[in-house]
Amino acid sequence: MKSEQLDLVNLVKRTDKELETSISKKREEHGLDAELDAEEKALIVRQMHEEQDDRNKTYLN
């Protein structure tokens, strides 16, 4: 990977980490019914898809 691509990946990961922290704080304060913004919801959906893909790979191999 090019250096620019790695920088972008690191930026995205840092952003994901910040979103995870934000989600955790909101859930601590308001429980599982906490109101999440669009970016936080997108992160959760992306993580769920990645987990499902991992499970599919495990069961299909």
PDB file of N, CA and C in Angstrom:
ATOM      1  N   MET A   1       0.829  -1.179   0.000  1.00  0.00           N
ATOM      2  CA  MET A   1       0.000   0.000   0.000  1.00  0.00           C
ATOM      3  C   MET A   1       0.877   1.246   0.000  1.00  0.00           C
ATOM      4  N   LYS A   2       0.400   2.257  -0.670  1.00  0.00           N
ATOM      5  CA  LYS A   2       1.125   3.518  -0.684  1.00  0.00           C
ATOM      6  C   LYS A   2       0.993   4.208   0.668  1.00  0.00           C
ATOM      7  N   SER A   3       1.932   5.073   0.941  1.00  0.00           N
ATOM      8  CA  SER A   3       1.927   5.807   2.205  1.00  0.00           C
ATOM      9  C   SER A   3       0.646   6.616   2.375  1.00  0.00           C
ATOM     10  N   GLU A   4       0.178   7.221   1.275  1.00  0.00           N
ATOM     11  CA  GLU A   4      -1.048   8.027   1.342  1.00  0.00           C
ATOM     12  C   GLU A   4      -2.243   7.153   1.708  1.00  0.00           C
ATOM     13  N   GLN A   5      -2.281   5.944   1.150  1.00  0.00           N
ATOM     14  CA  GLN A   5      -3.383   5.031   1.455  1.00  0.00           C
ATOM     15  C   GLN A   5      -3.328   4.600   2.913  1.00  0.00           C
ATOM     16  N   LEU A   6      -2.131   4.334   3.417  1.00  0.00           N
ATOM     17  CA  LEU A   6      -1.985   3.942   4.817  1.00  0.00           C
ATOM     18  C   LEU A   6      -2.417   5.071   5.741  1.00  0.00           C
ATOM     19  N   ASP A   7      -2.058   6.304   5.381  1.00  0.00           N
ATOM     20  CA  ASP A   7      -2.484   7.446   6.186  1.00  0.00           C
ATOM     21  C   ASP A   7      -3.998   7.537   6.219  1.00  0.00           C
ATOM     22  N   LEU A   8      -4.628   7.299   5.080  1.00  0.00           N
ATOM     23  CA  LEU A   8      -6.086   7.353   5.010  1.00  0.00           C
ATOM     24  C   LEU A   8      -6.702   6.239   5.850  1.00  0.00           C
ATOM     25  N   VAL A   9      -6.130   5.038   5.783  1.00  0.00           N
ATOM     26  CA  VAL A   9      -6.626   3.918   6.585  1.00  0.00           C
ATOM     27  C   VAL A   9      -6.498   4.244   8.064  1.00  0.00           C
ATOM     28  N   ASN A  10      -5.361   4.801   8.468  1.00  0.00           N
ATOM     29  CA  ASN A  10      -5.166   5.168   9.876  1.00  0.00           C
ATOM     30  C   ASN A  10      -6.147   6.243  10.305  1.00  0.00           C
ATOM     31  N   LEU A  11      -6.428   7.193   9.422  1.00  0.00           N
ATOM     32  CA  LEU A  11      -7.395   8.241   9.733  1.00  0.00           C
ATOM     33  C   LEU A  11      -8.778   7.638   9.931  1.00  0.00           C
ATOM     34  N   VAL A  12      -9.154   6.708   9.060  1.00  0.00           N
ATOM     35  CA  VAL A  12     -10.456   6.057   9.175  1.00  0.00           C
ATOM     36  C   VAL A  12     -10.530   5.267  10.470  1.00  0.00           C
ATOM     37  N   LYS A  13      -9.482   4.536  10.802  1.00  0.00           N
ATOM     38  CA  LYS A  13      -9.481   3.756  12.039  1.00  0.00           C
ATOM     39  C   LYS A  13      -9.606   4.663  13.254  1.00  0.00           C
ATOM     40  N   ARG A  14      -8.919   5.771  13.240  1.00  0.00           N
ATOM     41  CA  ARG A  14      -9.000   6.707  14.357  1.00  0.00           C
ATOM     42  C   ARG A  14     -10.425   7.247  14.458  1.00  0.00           C
ATOM     43  N   THR A  15     -11.010   7.542  13.334  1.00  0.00           N
ATOM     44  CA  THR A  15     -12.377   8.034  13.323  1.00  0.00           C
ATOM     45  C   THR A  15     -13.315   6.960  13.859  1.00  0.00           C
ATOM     46  N   ASP A  16     -13.118   5.712  13.444  1.00  0.00           N
ATOM     47  CA  ASP A  16     -13.937   4.614  13.959  1.00  0.00           C
ATOM     48  C   ASP A  16     -13.791   4.516  15.471  1.00  0.00           C
ATOM     49  N   LYS A  17     -12.574   4.652  15.957  1.00  0.00           N
ATOM     50  CA  LYS A  17     -12.326   4.585  17.402  1.00  0.00           C
ATOM     51  C   LYS A  17     -13.061   5.715  18.117  1.00  0.00           C
ATOM     52  N   GLU A  18     -13.022   6.903  17.542  1.00  0.00           N
ATOM     53  CA  GLU A  18     -13.730   8.035  18.142  1.00  0.00           C
ATOM     54  C   GLU A  18     -15.232   7.781  18.152  1.00  0.00           C
ATOM     55  N   LEU A  19     -15.746   7.215  17.062  1.00  0.00           N
ATOM     56  CA  LEU A  19     -17.170   6.904  16.998  1.00  0.00           C
ATOM     57  C   LEU A  19     -17.540   5.851  18.036  1.00  0.00           C
ATOM     58  N   GLU A  20     -16.703   4.826  18.187  1.00  0.00           N
ATOM     59  CA  GLU A  20     -16.967   3.785  19.183  1.00  0.00           C
ATOM     60  C   GLU A  20     -17.007   4.379  20.587  1.00  0.00           C
ATOM     61  N   THR A  21     -16.096   5.304  20.863  1.00  0.00           N
ATOM     62  CA  THR A  21     -16.077   5.972  22.164  1.00  0.00           C
ATOM     63  C   THR A  21     -17.352   6.774  22.370  1.00  0.00           C
ATOM     64  N   SER A  22     -17.759   7.481  21.340  1.00  0.00           N
ATOM     65  CA  SER A  22     -18.982   8.284  21.415  1.00  0.00           C
ATOM     66  C   SER A  22     -20.208   7.402  21.655  1.00  0.00           C
ATOM     67  N   ILE A  23     -20.273   6.284  20.943  1.00  0.00           N
ATOM     68  CA  ILE A  23     -21.392   5.346  21.104  1.00  0.00           C
ATOM     69  C   ILE A  23     -21.415   4.806  22.529  1.00  0.00           C
ATOM     70  N   SER A  24     -20.245   4.426  23.035  1.00  0.00           N
ATOM     71  CA  SER A  24     -20.157   3.886  24.400  1.00  0.00           C
ATOM     72  C   SER A  24     -20.639   4.895  25.429  1.00  0.00           C
ATOM     73  N   LYS A  25     -20.210   6.146  25.280  1.00  0.00           N
ATOM     74  CA  LYS A  25     -20.627   7.182  26.230  1.00  0.00           C
ATOM     75  C   LYS A  25     -22.133   7.385  26.185  1.00  0.00           C
ATOM     76  N   LYS A  26     -22.690   7.441  24.981  1.00  0.00           N
ATOM     77  CA  LYS A  26     -24.136   7.638  24.853  1.00  0.00           C
ATOM     78  C   LYS A  26     -24.903   6.472  25.459  1.00  0.00           C
ATOM     79  N   ARG A  27     -24.406   5.259  25.244  1.00  0.00           N
ATOM     80  CA  ARG A  27     -25.090   4.084  25.783  1.00  0.00           C
ATOM     81  C   ARG A  27     -24.960   4.005  27.298  1.00  0.00           C
ATOM     82  N   GLU A  28     -23.845   4.474  27.843  1.00  0.00           N
ATOM     83  CA  GLU A  28     -23.698   4.514  29.303  1.00  0.00           C
ATOM     84  C   GLU A  28     -24.703   5.478  29.916  1.00  0.00           C
ATOM     85  N   GLU A  29     -24.903   6.608  29.242  1.00  0.00           N
ATOM     86  CA  GLU A  29     -25.802   7.636  29.772  1.00  0.00           C
ATOM     87  C   GLU A  29     -27.273   7.302  29.550  1.00  0.00           C
ATOM     88  N   HIS A  30     -27.588   6.731  28.374  1.00  0.00           N
ATOM     89  CA  HIS A  30     -28.992   6.557  27.990  1.00  0.00           C
ATOM     90  C   HIS A  30     -29.411   5.106  27.760  1.00  0.00           C
ATOM     91  N   GLY A  31     -28.509   4.171  27.952  1.00  0.00           N
ATOM     92  CA  GLY A  31     -28.832   2.768  27.718  1.00  0.00           C
ATOM     93  C   GLY A  31     -28.808   2.431  26.234  1.00  0.00           C
ATOM     94  N   LEU A  32     -29.304   1.242  25.898  1.00  0.00           N
ATOM     95  CA  LEU A  32     -29.270   0.784  24.510  1.00  0.00           C
ATOM     96  C   LEU A  32     -30.186   1.587  23.599  1.00  0.00           C
ATOM     97  N   ASP A  33     -31.103   2.343  24.176  1.00  0.00           N
ATOM     98  CA  ASP A  33     -32.018   3.159  23.379  1.00  0.00           C
ATOM     99  C   ASP A  33     -31.435   4.533  23.063  1.00  0.00           C
ATOM    100  N   ALA A  34     -30.145   4.726  23.289  1.00  0.00           N
ATOM    101  CA  ALA A  34     -29.508   6.021  23.052  1.00  0.00           C
ATOM    102  C   ALA A  34     -29.673   6.429  21.591  1.00  0.00           C
ATOM    103  N   GLU A  35     -29.889   7.700  21.385  1.00  0.00           N
ATOM    104  CA  GLU A  35     -30.044   8.251  20.036  1.00  0.00           C
ATOM    105  C   GLU A  35     -28.652   8.386  19.407  1.00  0.00           C
ATOM    106  N   LEU A  36     -28.423   7.688  18.295  1.00  0.00           N
ATOM    107  CA  LEU A  36     -27.133   7.726  17.612  1.00  0.00           C
ATOM    108  C   LEU A  36     -27.261   8.540  16.335  1.00  0.00           C
ATOM    109  N   ASP A  37     -26.162   9.213  15.950  1.00  0.00           N
ATOM    110  CA  ASP A  37     -26.207   9.961  14.701  1.00  0.00           C
ATOM    111  C   ASP A  37     -25.915   9.021  13.529  1.00  0.00           C
ATOM    112  N   ALA A  38     -26.009   9.542  12.324  1.00  0.00           N
ATOM    113  CA  ALA A  38     -25.895   8.723  11.114  1.00  0.00           C
ATOM    114  C   ALA A  38     -24.540   8.026  11.007  1.00  0.00           C
ATOM    115  N   GLU A  39     -23.460   8.730  11.354  1.00  0.00           N
ATOM    116  CA  GLU A  39     -22.129   8.122  11.277  1.00  0.00           C
ATOM    117  C   GLU A  39     -21.993   6.960  12.252  1.00  0.00           C
ATOM    118  N   GLU A  40     -22.527   7.126  13.440  1.00  0.00           N
ATOM    119  CA  GLU A  40     -22.451   6.065  14.446  1.00  0.00           C
ATOM    120  C   GLU A  40     -23.250   4.846  13.998  1.00  0.00           C
ATOM    121  N   LYS A  41     -24.421   5.089  13.439  1.00  0.00           N
ATOM    122  CA  LYS A  41     -25.236   3.986  12.929  1.00  0.00           C
ATOM    123  C   LYS A  41     -24.524   3.275  11.784  1.00  0.00           C
ATOM    124  N   ALA A  42     -23.896   4.046  10.896  1.00  0.00           N
ATOM    125  CA  ALA A  42     -23.178   3.459   9.762  1.00  0.00           C
ATOM    126  C   ALA A  42     -22.026   2.581  10.245  1.00  0.00           C
ATOM    127  N   LEU A  43     -21.332   3.018  11.288  1.00  0.00           N
ATOM    128  CA  LEU A  43     -20.238   2.224  11.849  1.00  0.00           C
ATOM    129  C   LEU A  43     -20.763   0.898  12.383  1.00  0.00           C
ATOM    130  N   ILE A  44     -21.859   0.940  13.115  1.00  0.00           N
ATOM    131  CA  ILE A  44     -22.434  -0.284  13.677  1.00  0.00           C
ATOM    132  C   ILE A  44     -22.858  -1.233  12.566  1.00  0.00           C
ATOM    133  N   VAL A  45     -23.492  -0.708  11.532  1.00  0.00           N
ATOM    134  CA  VAL A  45     -23.933  -1.546  10.411  1.00  0.00           C
ATOM    135  C   VAL A  45     -22.726  -2.155   9.708  1.00  0.00           C
ATOM    136  N   ARG A  46     -21.673  -1.348   9.480  1.00  0.00           N
ATOM    137  CA  ARG A  46     -20.473  -1.855   8.812  1.00  0.00           C
ATOM    138  C   ARG A  46     -19.832  -2.971   9.641  1.00  0.00           C
ATOM    139  N   GLN A  47     -19.769  -2.780  10.963  1.00  0.00           N
ATOM    140  CA  GLN A  47     -19.187  -3.807  11.829  1.00  0.00           C
ATOM    141  C   GLN A  47     -20.023  -5.085  11.798  1.00  0.00           C
ATOM    142  N   MET A  48     -21.333  -4.937  11.772  1.00  0.00           N
ATOM    143  CA  MET A  48     -22.209  -6.112  11.713  1.00  0.00           C
ATOM    144  C   MET A  48     -22.000  -6.866  10.401  1.00  0.00           C
ATOM    145  N   HIS A  49     -21.845  -6.144   9.304  1.00  0.00           N
ATOM    146  CA  HIS A  49     -21.615  -6.788   8.010  1.00  0.00           C
ATOM    147  C   HIS A  49     -20.276  -7.515   8.004  1.00  0.00           C
ATOM    148  N   GLU A  50     -19.252  -6.891   8.579  1.00  0.00           N
ATOM    149  CA  GLU A  50     -17.940  -7.529   8.647  1.00  0.00           C
ATOM    150  C   GLU A  50     -18.003  -8.812   9.476  1.00  0.00           C
ATOM    151  N   GLU A  51     -18.710  -8.767  10.591  1.00  0.00           N
ATOM    152  CA  GLU A  51     -18.855  -9.955  11.433  1.00  0.00           C
ATOM    153  C   GLU A  51     -19.598 -11.056  10.689  1.00  0.00           C
ATOM    154  N   GLN A  52     -20.641 -10.686   9.953  1.00  0.00           N
ATOM    155  CA  GLN A  52     -21.398 -11.671   9.183  1.00  0.00           C
ATOM    156  C   GLN A  52     -20.528 -12.275   8.085  1.00  0.00           C
ATOM    157  N   ASP A  53     -19.736 -11.442   7.408  1.00  0.00           N
ATOM    158  CA  ASP A  53     -18.827 -11.944   6.377  1.00  0.00           C
ATOM    159  C   ASP A  53     -17.823 -12.924   6.974  1.00  0.00           C
ATOM    160  N   ASP A  54     -17.293 -12.602   8.157  1.00  0.00           N
ATOM    161  CA  ASP A  54     -16.348 -13.501   8.831  1.00  0.00           C
ATOM    162  C   ASP A  54     -17.006 -14.836   9.157  1.00  0.00           C
ATOM    163  N   ARG A  55     -18.242 -14.790   9.654  1.00  0.00           N
ATOM    164  CA  ARG A  55     -18.959 -16.033   9.964  1.00  0.00           C
ATOM    165  C   ARG A  55     -19.209 -16.836   8.691  1.00  0.00           C
ATOM    166  N   ASN A  56     -19.583 -16.155   7.623  1.00  0.00           N
ATOM    167  CA  ASN A  56     -19.836 -16.853   6.363  1.00  0.00           C
ATOM    168  C   ASN A  56     -18.572 -17.534   5.855  1.00  0.00           C
ATOM    169  N   LYS A  57     -17.435 -16.856   5.943  1.00  0.00           N
ATOM    170  CA  LYS A  57     -16.171 -17.441   5.502  1.00  0.00           C
ATOM    171  C   LYS A  57     -15.839 -18.670   6.338  1.00  0.00           C
ATOM    172  N   THR A  58     -16.079 -18.590   7.639  1.00  0.00           N
ATOM    173  CA  THR A  58     -15.782 -19.700   8.541  1.00  0.00           C
ATOM    174  C   THR A  58     -16.623 -20.917   8.192  1.00  0.00           C
ATOM    175  N   TYR A  59     -17.913 -20.709   7.960  1.00  0.00           N
ATOM    176  CA  TYR A  59     -18.809 -21.835   7.712  1.00  0.00           C
ATOM    177  C   TYR A  59     -18.694 -22.378   6.299  1.00  0.00           C
ATOM    178  N   LEU A  60     -18.263 -21.553   5.353  1.00  0.00           N
ATOM    179  CA  LEU A  60     -18.171 -22.001   3.971  1.00  0.00           C
ATOM    180  C   LEU A  60     -16.860 -22.711   3.681  1.00  0.00           C
ATOM    181  N   ASN A  61     -15.870 -22.550   4.545  1.00  0.00           N
ATOM    182  CA  ASN A  61     -14.567 -23.188   4.299  1.00  0.00           C
ATOM    183  C   ASN A  61     -14.482 -24.535   4.910  1.00  0.00           C
TER     184      ASN A  61
END
